[in-house]
Amino acid sequence: SKAHPGLGGRVTIMIILKCCSTGGDAYAGLSADVAYMLNRNDPEWFEVTYLSYFDAAWSTICAEACLCLARITDTDCSSQEASSKSELIKEGLKCLEVSANSLTNEDGTIVNSMAHSYY
């Protein structure tokens, strides 16, 4: 059976916590977390739900996770890890673009000031 899609939110937040708790060092399961972030398939409702209930754009949280993982991924190790770092940065920037679109209206007004302050 499949896990509820809402559990994906917990995984991403746990990735951020693991990255912060290691002080920038690699940790057990790092490669699995990198693969998870690069292959996410989040439901569209995550963005609005997180914005409504947690005052944070889901895409901003994902961008933080990607960029935290990229910071830990050492470019000196292997070409695969260097490629992963590049892909994580691209994914993080893509998430930030989604955040920019989610957090501002077409006229430039801010949709949610608390979430925009995290962005």
N, C-alpha and C. Protein backbone atom coordinates (compact mmCIF):
# COMPACT_ATOMS: atom_id res chain seq x y z
N SER A 1 0.83 -1.18 0.00
CA SER A 1 0.00 0.00 0.00
C SER A 1 0.88 1.25 0.00
N LYS A 2 0.34 2.31 -0.55
CA LYS A 2 1.06 3.57 -0.63
C LYS A 2 0.88 4.38 0.65
N ALA A 3 1.92 5.14 0.98
CA ALA A 3 1.84 6.04 2.12
C ALA A 3 1.03 7.27 1.73
N HIS A 4 0.40 7.88 2.71
CA HIS A 4 -0.36 9.10 2.48
C HIS A 4 0.60 10.19 1.98
N PRO A 5 0.21 10.96 0.97
CA PRO A 5 1.11 11.99 0.43
C PRO A 5 1.55 13.02 1.46
N GLY A 6 0.75 13.22 2.50
CA GLY A 6 1.11 14.18 3.53
C GLY A 6 2.38 13.80 4.27
N LEU A 7 2.73 12.51 4.25
CA LEU A 7 3.96 12.08 4.91
C LEU A 7 5.20 12.64 4.21
N GLY A 8 5.07 12.98 2.93
CA GLY A 8 6.18 13.59 2.21
C GLY A 8 6.63 14.88 2.86
N GLY A 9 5.70 15.61 3.45
CA GLY A 9 6.04 16.83 4.15
C GLY A 9 6.94 16.56 5.33
N ARG A 10 6.67 15.50 6.04
CA ARG A 10 7.50 15.14 7.19
C ARG A 10 8.90 14.75 6.75
N VAL A 11 9.00 14.02 5.65
CA VAL A 11 10.32 13.59 5.17
C VAL A 11 11.18 14.81 4.85
N THR A 12 10.62 15.76 4.14
CA THR A 12 11.38 16.95 3.75
C THR A 12 11.82 17.75 4.98
N ILE A 13 10.94 17.90 5.94
CA ILE A 13 11.29 18.63 7.16
C ILE A 13 12.36 17.86 7.94
N MET A 14 12.28 16.55 7.97
CA MET A 14 13.31 15.74 8.65
C MET A 14 14.66 15.89 7.96
N ILE A 15 14.65 16.02 6.64
CA ILE A 15 15.90 16.24 5.91
C ILE A 15 16.55 17.54 6.36
N ILE A 16 15.76 18.59 6.48
CA ILE A 16 16.29 19.88 6.94
C ILE A 16 16.87 19.73 8.35
N LEU A 17 16.15 19.04 9.22
CA LEU A 17 16.63 18.85 10.59
C LEU A 17 17.92 18.05 10.64
N LYS A 18 18.00 17.00 9.82
CA LYS A 18 19.24 16.20 9.77
C LYS A 18 20.40 17.05 9.28
N CYS A 19 20.17 17.84 8.25
CA CYS A 19 21.24 18.70 7.72
C CYS A 19 21.72 19.68 8.78
N CYS A 20 20.80 20.27 9.51
CA CYS A 20 21.17 21.25 10.53
C CYS A 20 21.88 20.60 11.72
N SER A 21 21.47 19.39 12.07
CA SER A 21 22.04 18.75 13.26
C SER A 21 23.43 18.19 13.03
N THR A 22 23.85 18.03 11.79
CA THR A 22 25.18 17.45 11.53
C THR A 22 26.27 18.51 11.48
N GLY A 23 25.89 19.76 11.50
CA GLY A 23 26.90 20.81 11.43
C GLY A 23 27.59 20.89 10.07
N GLY A 24 26.89 20.44 9.04
CA GLY A 24 27.46 20.52 7.68
C GLY A 24 28.20 19.27 7.24
N ASP A 25 28.20 18.23 8.07
CA ASP A 25 28.88 16.98 7.72
C ASP A 25 27.88 16.00 7.09
N ALA A 26 28.42 15.11 6.27
CA ALA A 26 27.59 14.06 5.67
C ALA A 26 27.04 13.17 6.78
N TYR A 27 25.92 12.56 6.54
CA TYR A 27 25.29 11.68 7.53
C TYR A 27 24.81 10.42 6.84
N ALA A 28 24.53 9.39 7.64
CA ALA A 28 24.01 8.13 7.10
C ALA A 28 22.67 8.41 6.43
N GLY A 29 22.50 7.93 5.22
CA GLY A 29 21.26 8.13 4.49
C GLY A 29 21.23 9.39 3.64
N LEU A 30 22.37 10.08 3.56
CA LEU A 30 22.43 11.32 2.77
C LEU A 30 22.04 11.07 1.31
N SER A 31 22.59 10.03 0.72
CA SER A 31 22.31 9.77 -0.70
C SER A 31 20.83 9.46 -0.92
N ALA A 32 20.20 8.77 0.03
CA ALA A 32 18.76 8.49 -0.10
C ALA A 32 17.96 9.78 0.00
N ASP A 33 18.38 10.70 0.87
CA ASP A 33 17.69 11.97 0.99
C ASP A 33 17.86 12.83 -0.26
N VAL A 34 19.06 12.78 -0.84
CA VAL A 34 19.30 13.51 -2.10
C VAL A 34 18.38 12.96 -3.18
N ALA A 35 18.33 11.64 -3.29
CA ALA A 35 17.46 11.01 -4.30
C ALA A 35 16.00 11.37 -4.07
N TYR A 36 15.58 11.39 -2.81
CA TYR A 36 14.20 11.74 -2.49
C TYR A 36 13.87 13.14 -2.97
N MET A 37 14.74 14.11 -2.65
CA MET A 37 14.46 15.49 -3.02
C MET A 37 14.48 15.70 -4.53
N LEU A 38 15.32 14.96 -5.22
CA LEU A 38 15.40 15.12 -6.68
C LEU A 38 14.29 14.40 -7.41
N ASN A 39 13.60 13.49 -6.73
CA ASN A 39 12.55 12.70 -7.39
C ASN A 39 11.19 12.87 -6.74
N ARG A 40 10.99 13.95 -5.98
CA ARG A 40 9.71 14.20 -5.33
C ARG A 40 8.61 14.36 -6.38
N ASN A 41 7.44 13.99 -5.97
CA ASN A 41 6.27 14.23 -6.81
C ASN A 41 5.15 14.70 -5.89
N ASP A 42 5.33 15.90 -5.37
CA ASP A 42 4.40 16.43 -4.38
C ASP A 42 3.06 16.79 -5.01
N PRO A 43 1.97 16.51 -4.30
CA PRO A 43 0.66 16.94 -4.80
C PRO A 43 0.59 18.46 -4.86
N GLU A 44 -0.15 18.96 -5.80
CA GLU A 44 -0.27 20.41 -5.97
C GLU A 44 -0.86 21.09 -4.74
N TRP A 45 -1.70 20.38 -4.00
CA TRP A 45 -2.34 21.00 -2.85
C TRP A 45 -1.37 21.28 -1.70
N PHE A 46 -0.17 20.71 -1.72
CA PHE A 46 0.82 20.99 -0.66
C PHE A 46 1.09 22.48 -0.53
N GLU A 47 1.27 23.16 -1.65
CA GLU A 47 1.65 24.57 -1.62
C GLU A 47 0.61 25.40 -0.88
N VAL A 48 -0.65 25.26 -1.26
CA VAL A 48 -1.73 26.04 -0.66
C VAL A 48 -1.97 25.60 0.78
N THR A 49 -1.91 24.31 1.04
CA THR A 49 -2.16 23.81 2.38
C THR A 49 -1.11 24.31 3.37
N TYR A 50 0.15 24.20 3.00
CA TYR A 50 1.21 24.68 3.89
C TYR A 50 1.12 26.19 4.08
N LEU A 51 0.77 26.88 3.04
CA LEU A 51 0.62 28.33 3.12
C LEU A 51 -0.52 28.70 4.07
N SER A 52 -1.61 27.96 3.98
CA SER A 52 -2.79 28.26 4.81
C SER A 52 -2.61 27.85 6.27
N TYR A 53 -2.05 26.68 6.50
CA TYR A 53 -1.99 26.16 7.86
C TYR A 53 -0.69 26.47 8.60
N PHE A 54 0.42 26.60 7.87
CA PHE A 54 1.72 26.76 8.53
C PHE A 54 2.40 28.09 8.21
N ASP A 55 1.75 28.94 7.43
CA ASP A 55 2.33 30.23 7.04
C ASP A 55 3.71 30.07 6.41
N ALA A 56 3.87 29.03 5.63
CA ALA A 56 5.12 28.80 4.90
C ALA A 56 4.77 28.15 3.57
N ALA A 57 5.40 28.59 2.51
CA ALA A 57 5.16 27.98 1.21
C ALA A 57 5.91 26.65 1.15
N TRP A 58 5.22 25.61 0.73
CA TRP A 58 5.84 24.29 0.62
C TRP A 58 7.09 24.36 -0.26
N SER A 59 7.02 25.13 -1.32
CA SER A 59 8.16 25.23 -2.24
C SER A 59 9.37 25.86 -1.55
N THR A 60 9.15 26.77 -0.61
CA THR A 60 10.26 27.37 0.13
C THR A 60 10.92 26.32 1.02
N ILE A 61 10.11 25.48 1.65
CA ILE A 61 10.64 24.40 2.49
C ILE A 61 11.46 23.43 1.64
N CYS A 62 10.94 23.09 0.48
CA CYS A 62 11.67 22.18 -0.42
C CYS A 62 12.98 22.81 -0.90
N ALA A 63 12.94 24.10 -1.20
CA ALA A 63 14.16 24.79 -1.63
C ALA A 63 15.20 24.75 -0.53
N GLU A 64 14.77 24.97 0.71
CA GLU A 64 15.72 24.93 1.83
C GLU A 64 16.33 23.55 1.97
N ALA A 65 15.51 22.50 1.84
CA ALA A 65 16.03 21.14 1.94
C ALA A 65 17.05 20.87 0.83
N CYS A 66 16.73 21.26 -0.38
CA CYS A 66 17.65 21.05 -1.51
C CYS A 66 18.97 21.78 -1.30
N LEU A 67 18.89 23.02 -0.87
CA LEU A 67 20.10 23.80 -0.71
C LEU A 67 20.92 23.35 0.50
N CYS A 68 20.25 22.88 1.55
CA CYS A 68 20.98 22.29 2.69
C CYS A 68 21.72 21.04 2.25
N LEU A 69 21.07 20.19 1.48
CA LEU A 69 21.73 18.98 0.98
C LEU A 69 22.87 19.32 0.04
N ALA A 70 22.69 20.33 -0.78
CA ALA A 70 23.75 20.73 -1.71
C ALA A 70 24.97 21.22 -0.94
N ARG A 71 24.74 21.91 0.15
CA ARG A 71 25.84 22.42 0.97
C ARG A 71 26.65 21.26 1.57
N ILE A 72 25.96 20.19 1.94
CA ILE A 72 26.63 19.03 2.55
C ILE A 72 27.33 18.17 1.49
N THR A 73 26.71 18.07 0.33
CA THR A 73 27.26 17.21 -0.73
C THR A 73 28.60 17.77 -1.17
N ASP A 74 29.64 17.00 -1.01
CA ASP A 74 31.00 17.45 -1.27
C ASP A 74 31.36 17.28 -2.74
N THR A 75 31.74 18.36 -3.39
CA THR A 75 32.09 18.29 -4.81
C THR A 75 33.44 17.62 -5.04
N ASP A 76 34.24 17.44 -4.01
CA ASP A 76 35.55 16.82 -4.18
C ASP A 76 35.49 15.30 -4.24
N CYS A 77 34.38 14.72 -3.87
CA CYS A 77 34.31 13.27 -3.77
C CYS A 77 34.23 12.58 -5.13
N SER A 78 33.07 12.54 -5.71
CA SER A 78 32.91 11.83 -6.98
C SER A 78 32.13 12.70 -7.95
N SER A 79 32.25 12.33 -9.22
CA SER A 79 31.51 13.10 -10.23
C SER A 79 30.01 12.96 -10.04
N GLN A 80 29.57 11.81 -9.50
CA GLN A 80 28.14 11.61 -9.26
C GLN A 80 27.66 12.57 -8.16
N GLU A 81 28.46 12.73 -7.09
CA GLU A 81 28.07 13.65 -6.03
C GLU A 81 28.11 15.10 -6.51
N ALA A 82 29.09 15.43 -7.36
CA ALA A 82 29.16 16.77 -7.92
C ALA A 82 27.93 17.04 -8.78
N SER A 83 27.51 16.04 -9.54
CA SER A 83 26.31 16.16 -10.36
C SER A 83 25.08 16.33 -9.47
N SER A 84 25.04 15.57 -8.38
CA SER A 84 23.91 15.69 -7.44
C SER A 84 23.85 17.08 -6.85
N LYS A 85 25.00 17.64 -6.51
CA LYS A 85 25.02 18.99 -5.94
C LYS A 85 24.45 19.98 -6.94
N SER A 86 24.85 19.87 -8.19
CA SER A 86 24.35 20.75 -9.24
C SER A 86 22.84 20.58 -9.41
N GLU A 87 22.38 19.35 -9.41
CA GLU A 87 20.95 19.08 -9.57
C GLU A 87 20.16 19.61 -8.37
N LEU A 88 20.72 19.48 -7.17
CA LEU A 88 20.05 20.00 -5.98
C LEU A 88 19.92 21.52 -6.04
N ILE A 89 20.96 22.18 -6.50
CA ILE A 89 20.91 23.64 -6.62
C ILE A 89 19.86 24.04 -7.66
N LYS A 90 19.83 23.34 -8.80
CA LYS A 90 18.82 23.64 -9.82
C LYS A 90 17.41 23.42 -9.28
N GLU A 91 17.22 22.31 -8.55
CA GLU A 91 15.90 22.02 -7.99
C GLU A 91 15.52 23.06 -6.94
N GLY A 92 16.49 23.47 -6.12
CA GLY A 92 16.22 24.50 -5.12
C GLY A 92 15.81 25.81 -5.75
N LEU A 93 16.49 26.19 -6.82
CA LEU A 93 16.14 27.43 -7.51
C LEU A 93 14.77 27.33 -8.18
N LYS A 94 14.47 26.15 -8.70
CA LYS A 94 13.15 25.93 -9.31
C LYS A 94 12.05 26.07 -8.24
N CYS A 95 12.32 25.52 -7.05
CA CYS A 95 11.36 25.65 -5.95
C CYS A 95 11.18 27.10 -5.53
N LEU A 96 12.28 27.86 -5.51
CA LEU A 96 12.18 29.27 -5.14
C LEU A 96 11.37 30.06 -6.16
N GLU A 97 11.45 29.66 -7.41
CA GLU A 97 10.64 30.31 -8.44
C GLU A 97 9.16 30.05 -8.19
N VAL A 98 8.83 28.81 -7.79
CA VAL A 98 7.45 28.49 -7.44
C VAL A 98 7.01 29.33 -6.24
N SER A 99 7.91 29.47 -5.26
CA SER A 99 7.60 30.30 -4.09
C SER A 99 7.30 31.73 -4.49
N ALA A 100 8.13 32.29 -5.35
CA ALA A 100 7.92 33.67 -5.78
C ALA A 100 6.54 33.83 -6.40
N ASN A 101 6.13 32.86 -7.20
CA ASN A 101 4.81 32.91 -7.84
C ASN A 101 3.68 32.70 -6.85
N SER A 102 3.92 31.85 -5.84
CA SER A 102 2.88 31.55 -4.85
C SER A 102 2.68 32.68 -3.85
N LEU A 103 3.74 33.40 -3.56
CA LEU A 103 3.70 34.37 -2.47
C LEU A 103 3.39 35.80 -2.91
N THR A 104 3.31 36.02 -4.22
CA THR A 104 2.95 37.35 -4.70
C THR A 104 1.87 37.25 -5.76
N ASN A 105 0.99 38.23 -5.74
CA ASN A 105 -0.03 38.32 -6.78
C ASN A 105 0.60 38.91 -8.04
N GLU A 106 -0.16 38.90 -9.12
CA GLU A 106 0.34 39.45 -10.38
C GLU A 106 0.72 40.92 -10.28
N ASP A 107 0.04 41.65 -9.40
CA ASP A 107 0.35 43.08 -9.24
C ASP A 107 1.51 43.32 -8.27
N GLY A 108 2.08 42.24 -7.74
CA GLY A 108 3.25 42.35 -6.86
C GLY A 108 2.93 42.39 -5.38
N THR A 109 1.64 42.41 -5.04
CA THR A 109 1.29 42.41 -3.62
C THR A 109 1.58 41.04 -3.00
N ILE A 110 1.95 41.07 -1.74
CA ILE A 110 2.32 39.84 -1.03
C ILE A 110 1.06 39.12 -0.56
N VAL A 111 1.00 37.82 -0.80
CA VAL A 111 -0.15 37.00 -0.44
C VAL A 111 -0.15 36.69 1.06
N ASN A 112 0.98 36.33 1.60
CA ASN A 112 1.10 35.95 3.01
C ASN A 112 2.42 36.52 3.52
N SER A 113 2.36 37.55 4.36
CA SER A 113 3.57 38.24 4.78
C SER A 113 4.48 37.36 5.62
N MET A 114 3.94 36.49 6.44
CA MET A 114 4.76 35.59 7.26
C MET A 114 5.53 34.63 6.36
N ALA A 115 4.84 34.00 5.43
CA ALA A 115 5.51 33.08 4.50
C ALA A 115 6.52 33.83 3.63
N HIS A 116 6.18 35.04 3.24
CA HIS A 116 7.09 35.81 2.40
C HIS A 116 8.37 36.15 3.16
N SER A 117 8.29 36.33 4.46
CA SER A 117 9.49 36.64 5.25
C SER A 117 10.43 35.44 5.29
N TYR A 118 9.92 34.21 5.21
CA TYR A 118 10.77 33.01 5.15
C TYR A 118 11.42 32.88 3.79
N TYR A 119 10.67 33.27 2.76
CA TYR A 119 11.14 33.17 1.40
C TYR A 119 12.36 34.03 1.23
